[in-house]
Amino acid sequence: MTREVRLCDGCVEQLSTGALQLQCGRVLLRKSDFAGAIPVLERAVKATPGVAEAHALLGLAYVNTRRIEDAVPQFKAAVAGDAKN
């Protein structure tokens, strides 16, 4: 049995931490809502600028909405933030 998570209008903007923004961004990406994930992941990056995953996921969302020029700096930031991988 699968449960669908529904987000009410405006509730994503009220999430207080970058970690919660990142988690919501992951959910939206899994649902292939790339355009919806962008503002959420932009807030996650702003709240947690050193988290490589946030940058990588934002880059992925940009690529899937054909915003390649916006994706490149996010991927570079992800690599710079995660030098071990």
C-alpha atoms as a PDB file:
ATOM      1  CA  MET A   1       0.000   0.000   0.000  1.00  0.00           C
ATOM      2  CA  THR A   2       1.363   3.399  -0.983  1.00  0.00           C
ATOM      3  CA  ARG A   3       0.664   6.613   0.886  1.00  0.00           C
ATOM      4  CA  GLU A   4       0.825   9.872  -1.003  1.00  0.00           C
ATOM      5  CA  VAL A   5       2.138  12.944   0.761  1.00  0.00           C
ATOM      6  CA  ARG A   6       0.130  16.069  -0.029  1.00  0.00           C
ATOM      7  CA  LEU A   7       1.495  19.500   0.734  1.00  0.00           C
ATOM      8  CA  CYS A   8      -0.956  22.304   1.302  1.00  0.00           C
ATOM      9  CA  ASP A   9      -0.544  25.626  -0.498  1.00  0.00           C
ATOM     10  CA  GLY A  10       2.066  27.718   1.243  1.00  0.00           C
ATOM     11  CA  CYS A  11       3.104  25.150   3.847  1.00  0.00           C
ATOM     12  CA  VAL A  12       6.447  24.418   2.181  1.00  0.00           C
ATOM     13  CA  GLU A  13       7.416  28.073   2.541  1.00  0.00           C
ATOM     14  CA  GLN A  14       6.768  27.825   6.286  1.00  0.00           C
ATOM     15  CA  LEU A  15       9.283  25.044   6.881  1.00  0.00           C
ATOM     16  CA  SER A  16      11.832  26.460   9.242  1.00  0.00           C
ATOM     17  CA  THR A  17      14.980  24.483   8.574  1.00  0.00           C
ATOM     18  CA  GLY A  18      17.122  23.760   5.570  1.00  0.00           C
ATOM     19  CA  ALA A  19      16.923  20.045   6.388  1.00  0.00           C
ATOM     20  CA  LEU A  20      13.135  20.082   6.090  1.00  0.00           C
ATOM     21  CA  GLN A  21      13.326  22.078   2.869  1.00  0.00           C
ATOM     22  CA  LEU A  22      15.791  19.516   1.520  1.00  0.00           C
ATOM     23  CA  GLN A  23      13.510  16.634   2.476  1.00  0.00           C
ATOM     24  CA  CYS A  24      10.525  18.260   0.764  1.00  0.00           C
ATOM     25  CA  GLY A  25      12.687  18.885  -2.294  1.00  0.00           C
ATOM     26  CA  ARG A  26      13.565  15.182  -2.394  1.00  0.00           C
ATOM     27  CA  VAL A  27       9.857  14.265  -2.273  1.00  0.00           C
ATOM     28  CA  LEU A  28       9.023  16.658  -5.093  1.00  0.00           C
ATOM     29  CA  LEU A  29      11.866  15.312  -7.233  1.00  0.00           C
ATOM     30  CA  ARG A  30      10.694  11.729  -6.651  1.00  0.00           C
ATOM     31  CA  LYS A  31       7.279  12.821  -7.888  1.00  0.00           C
ATOM     32  CA  SER A  32       8.977  14.372 -10.964  1.00  0.00           C
ATOM     33  CA  ASP A  33       7.719  17.808  -9.926  1.00  0.00           C
ATOM     34  CA  PHE A  34      10.943  19.486 -10.994  1.00  0.00           C
ATOM     35  CA  ALA A  35       9.489  22.987 -11.333  1.00  0.00           C
ATOM     36  CA  GLY A  36       7.897  22.698  -7.895  1.00  0.00           C
ATOM     37  CA  ALA A  37      11.137  21.447  -6.374  1.00  0.00           C
ATOM     38  CA  ILE A  38      13.185  24.439  -7.551  1.00  0.00           C
ATOM     39  CA  PRO A  39      11.952  27.085  -5.065  1.00  0.00           C
ATOM     40  CA  VAL A  40      12.049  24.555  -2.235  1.00  0.00           C
ATOM     41  CA  LEU A  41      15.606  23.499  -3.037  1.00  0.00           C
ATOM     42  CA  GLU A  42      16.682  27.117  -3.542  1.00  0.00           C
ATOM     43  CA  ARG A  43      15.547  27.783   0.035  1.00  0.00           C
ATOM     44  CA  ALA A  44      17.388  24.641   1.197  1.00  0.00           C
ATOM     45  CA  VAL A  45      20.605  25.854  -0.465  1.00  0.00           C
ATOM     46  CA  LYS A  46      20.194  29.300   1.072  1.00  0.00           C
ATOM     47  CA  ALA A  47      19.581  27.831   4.544  1.00  0.00           C
ATOM     48  CA  THR A  48      22.363  25.231   4.291  1.00  0.00           C
ATOM     49  CA  PRO A  49      24.908  26.545   1.758  1.00  0.00           C
ATOM     50  CA  GLY A  50      27.566  23.935   2.546  1.00  0.00           C
ATOM     51  CA  VAL A  51      25.353  20.893   2.006  1.00  0.00           C
ATOM     52  CA  ALA A  52      26.463  19.286  -1.263  1.00  0.00           C
ATOM     53  CA  GLU A  53      23.263  17.265  -1.664  1.00  0.00           C
ATOM     54  CA  ALA A  54      21.118  20.406  -1.693  1.00  0.00           C
ATOM     55  CA  HIS A  55      23.210  21.876  -4.509  1.00  0.00           C
ATOM     56  CA  ALA A  56      23.208  18.609  -6.475  1.00  0.00           C
ATOM     57  CA  LEU A  57      19.442  18.184  -6.218  1.00  0.00           C
ATOM     58  CA  LEU A  58      18.848  21.802  -7.202  1.00  0.00           C
ATOM     59  CA  GLY A  59      21.115  21.250 -10.210  1.00  0.00           C
ATOM     60  CA  LEU A  60      19.095  18.170 -11.130  1.00  0.00           C
ATOM     61  CA  ALA A  61      15.849  20.123 -10.916  1.00  0.00           C
ATOM     62  CA  TYR A  62      17.325  22.858 -13.113  1.00  0.00           C
ATOM     63  CA  VAL A  63      18.487  20.330 -15.734  1.00  0.00           C
ATOM     64  CA  ASN A  64      15.050  18.734 -15.862  1.00  0.00           C
ATOM     65  CA  THR A  65      13.456  22.134 -16.479  1.00  0.00           C
ATOM     66  CA  ARG A  66      16.020  22.925 -19.193  1.00  0.00           C
ATOM     67  CA  ARG A  67      17.809  25.566 -17.114  1.00  0.00           C
ATOM     68  CA  ILE A  68      21.266  24.224 -17.837  1.00  0.00           C
ATOM     69  CA  GLU A  69      23.055  27.538 -17.227  1.00  0.00           C
ATOM     70  CA  ASP A  70      21.578  27.604 -13.706  1.00  0.00           C
ATOM     71  CA  ALA A  71      22.468  23.953 -13.090  1.00  0.00           C
ATOM     72  CA  VAL A  72      26.206  24.230 -13.747  1.00  0.00           C
ATOM     73  CA  PRO A  73      27.088  26.399 -10.709  1.00  0.00           C
ATOM     74  CA  GLN A  74      24.978  24.143  -8.486  1.00  0.00           C
ATOM     75  CA  PHE A  75      26.855  21.046  -9.620  1.00  0.00           C
ATOM     76  CA  LYS A  76      30.169  22.850  -9.120  1.00  0.00           C
ATOM     77  CA  ALA A  77      29.103  23.848  -5.600  1.00  0.00           C
ATOM     78  CA  ALA A  78      28.074  20.253  -4.899  1.00  0.00           C
ATOM     79  CA  VAL A  79      31.477  18.938  -5.957  1.00  0.00           C
ATOM     80  CA  ALA A  80      33.284  21.639  -3.968  1.00  0.00           C
ATOM     81  CA  GLY A  81      31.163  20.902  -0.903  1.00  0.00           C
ATOM     82  CA  ASP A  82      31.738  17.148  -1.072  1.00  0.00           C
ATOM     83  CA  ALA A  83      35.436  16.766  -1.829  1.00  0.00           C
ATOM     84  CA  LYS A  84      35.497  13.201  -0.425  1.00  0.00           C
ATOM     85  CA  ASN A  85      33.256  11.887  -3.227  1.00  0.00           C
END
